[in-house]
Amino acid sequence: MTVWIAIGATVVGCYLVKLAGLLVPASALERPLVQRLAALLPVALLAALTAQQTFSSGGSLEVDARVAGVAAAALALVLRAPFLVVVAAAVVVTAGVRAIGG
């Protein structure tokens, strides 16, 4: 029964958040600060999700081959490599570190 209470609370909460977003006046959304924050929020969220998936395992901090792959991708980005090269660098370095480490 508590699962259904949690589902119901989630449904009501999602509806209220959506309703609150619709009730925000247009003048508040046109402010430059709000527009800058709205543009940066998806990037920050994606970075946080990437970091959480990269550096955690089972709720604890874990530093392994994935960190080397992210570092290789970051280096490729600094060197302005194309996206496919960035992904390939991350994959190759991660696989290499895993192969060397056993």
Protein backbone atom coordinates (compact mmCIF):
# COMPACT_ATOMS: atom_id res chain seq x y z
CA MET A 1 0.00 0.00 0.00
CA THR A 2 2.85 2.42 0.72
CA VAL A 3 4.05 2.05 -2.88
CA TRP A 4 0.73 3.41 -4.13
CA ILE A 5 0.92 6.29 -1.67
CA ALA A 6 4.40 7.12 -3.01
CA ILE A 7 3.15 6.90 -6.60
CA GLY A 8 0.19 9.14 -5.80
CA ALA A 9 2.38 11.67 -4.02
CA THR A 10 4.76 11.71 -7.00
CA VAL A 11 1.89 12.27 -9.43
CA VAL A 12 0.51 15.14 -7.37
CA GLY A 13 3.98 16.64 -6.92
CA CYS A 14 4.74 16.51 -10.64
CA TYR A 15 1.40 18.11 -11.46
CA LEU A 16 1.97 20.90 -8.93
CA VAL A 17 5.48 21.62 -10.26
CA LYS A 18 4.14 21.81 -13.82
CA LEU A 19 1.28 24.05 -12.68
CA ALA A 20 3.72 26.33 -10.84
CA GLY A 21 5.78 26.64 -14.03
CA LEU A 22 2.71 27.64 -16.01
CA LEU A 23 1.73 30.25 -13.44
CA VAL A 24 5.06 32.12 -13.62
CA PRO A 25 4.43 35.49 -15.29
CA ALA A 26 6.07 36.07 -18.68
CA SER A 27 7.80 39.20 -17.37
CA ALA A 28 9.73 37.09 -14.86
CA LEU A 29 10.90 34.72 -17.61
CA GLU A 30 12.13 37.57 -19.82
CA ARG A 31 14.71 38.79 -17.30
CA PRO A 32 18.32 38.36 -18.52
CA LEU A 33 19.41 36.55 -15.34
CA VAL A 34 16.60 34.01 -15.65
CA GLN A 35 17.42 33.41 -19.31
CA ARG A 36 21.13 32.88 -18.54
CA LEU A 37 20.30 30.47 -15.73
CA ALA A 38 17.86 28.58 -17.95
CA ALA A 39 20.57 28.23 -20.61
CA LEU A 40 23.17 26.95 -18.12
CA LEU A 41 20.97 24.62 -16.09
CA PRO A 42 20.87 21.71 -18.59
CA VAL A 43 24.68 21.81 -18.92
CA ALA A 44 25.14 21.73 -15.15
CA LEU A 45 22.64 18.89 -14.78
CA LEU A 46 24.32 16.85 -17.51
CA ALA A 47 27.75 17.44 -15.94
CA ALA A 48 26.46 16.34 -12.53
CA LEU A 49 24.88 13.19 -13.96
CA THR A 50 28.06 12.36 -15.88
CA ALA A 51 30.21 12.84 -12.78
CA GLN A 52 27.87 10.72 -10.68
CA GLN A 53 27.90 7.89 -13.21
CA THR A 54 31.66 8.12 -13.72
CA PHE A 55 32.90 8.38 -10.16
CA SER A 56 30.43 6.28 -8.16
CA SER A 57 29.63 2.63 -7.90
CA GLY A 58 27.00 1.36 -5.51
CA GLY A 59 26.80 4.66 -3.64
CA SER A 60 30.54 4.97 -2.95
CA LEU A 61 33.27 6.93 -4.68
CA GLU A 62 35.31 4.80 -7.06
CA VAL A 63 38.31 5.86 -9.14
CA ASP A 64 39.01 3.40 -11.94
CA ALA A 65 39.56 3.23 -15.70
CA ARG A 66 36.56 5.47 -16.36
CA VAL A 67 38.43 8.42 -14.89
CA ALA A 68 41.24 7.95 -17.42
CA GLY A 69 38.67 7.84 -20.22
CA VAL A 70 37.05 11.07 -19.07
CA ALA A 71 40.48 12.70 -18.81
CA ALA A 72 41.30 11.60 -22.38
CA ALA A 73 37.99 13.00 -23.60
CA ALA A 74 38.64 16.28 -21.78
CA LEU A 75 42.08 16.53 -23.38
CA ALA A 76 40.58 15.86 -26.81
CA LEU A 77 38.02 18.60 -26.19
CA VAL A 78 40.74 21.05 -25.17
CA LEU A 79 42.53 20.22 -28.43
CA ARG A 80 39.22 20.92 -30.26
CA ALA A 81 38.88 17.43 -31.68
CA PRO A 82 35.66 16.41 -33.44
CA PHE A 83 33.01 14.71 -31.31
CA LEU A 84 33.64 11.22 -32.70
CA VAL A 85 37.36 11.57 -31.95
CA VAL A 86 36.52 12.62 -28.37
CA VAL A 87 34.32 9.56 -27.89
CA ALA A 88 36.87 7.26 -29.55
CA ALA A 89 39.67 8.61 -27.34
CA ALA A 90 37.61 7.98 -24.22
CA VAL A 91 36.73 4.45 -25.31
CA VAL A 92 40.28 3.50 -26.34
CA VAL A 93 41.89 4.89 -23.19
CA THR A 94 39.30 3.30 -20.89
CA ALA A 95 39.68 -0.07 -22.62
CA GLY A 96 43.46 0.24 -22.52
CA VAL A 97 43.57 1.00 -18.81
CA ARG A 98 41.20 -1.89 -18.10
CA ALA A 99 43.34 -4.23 -20.22
CA ILE A 100 46.51 -3.20 -18.44
CA GLY A 101 44.92 -3.34 -14.99
CA GLY A 102 43.59 -6.83 -15.44
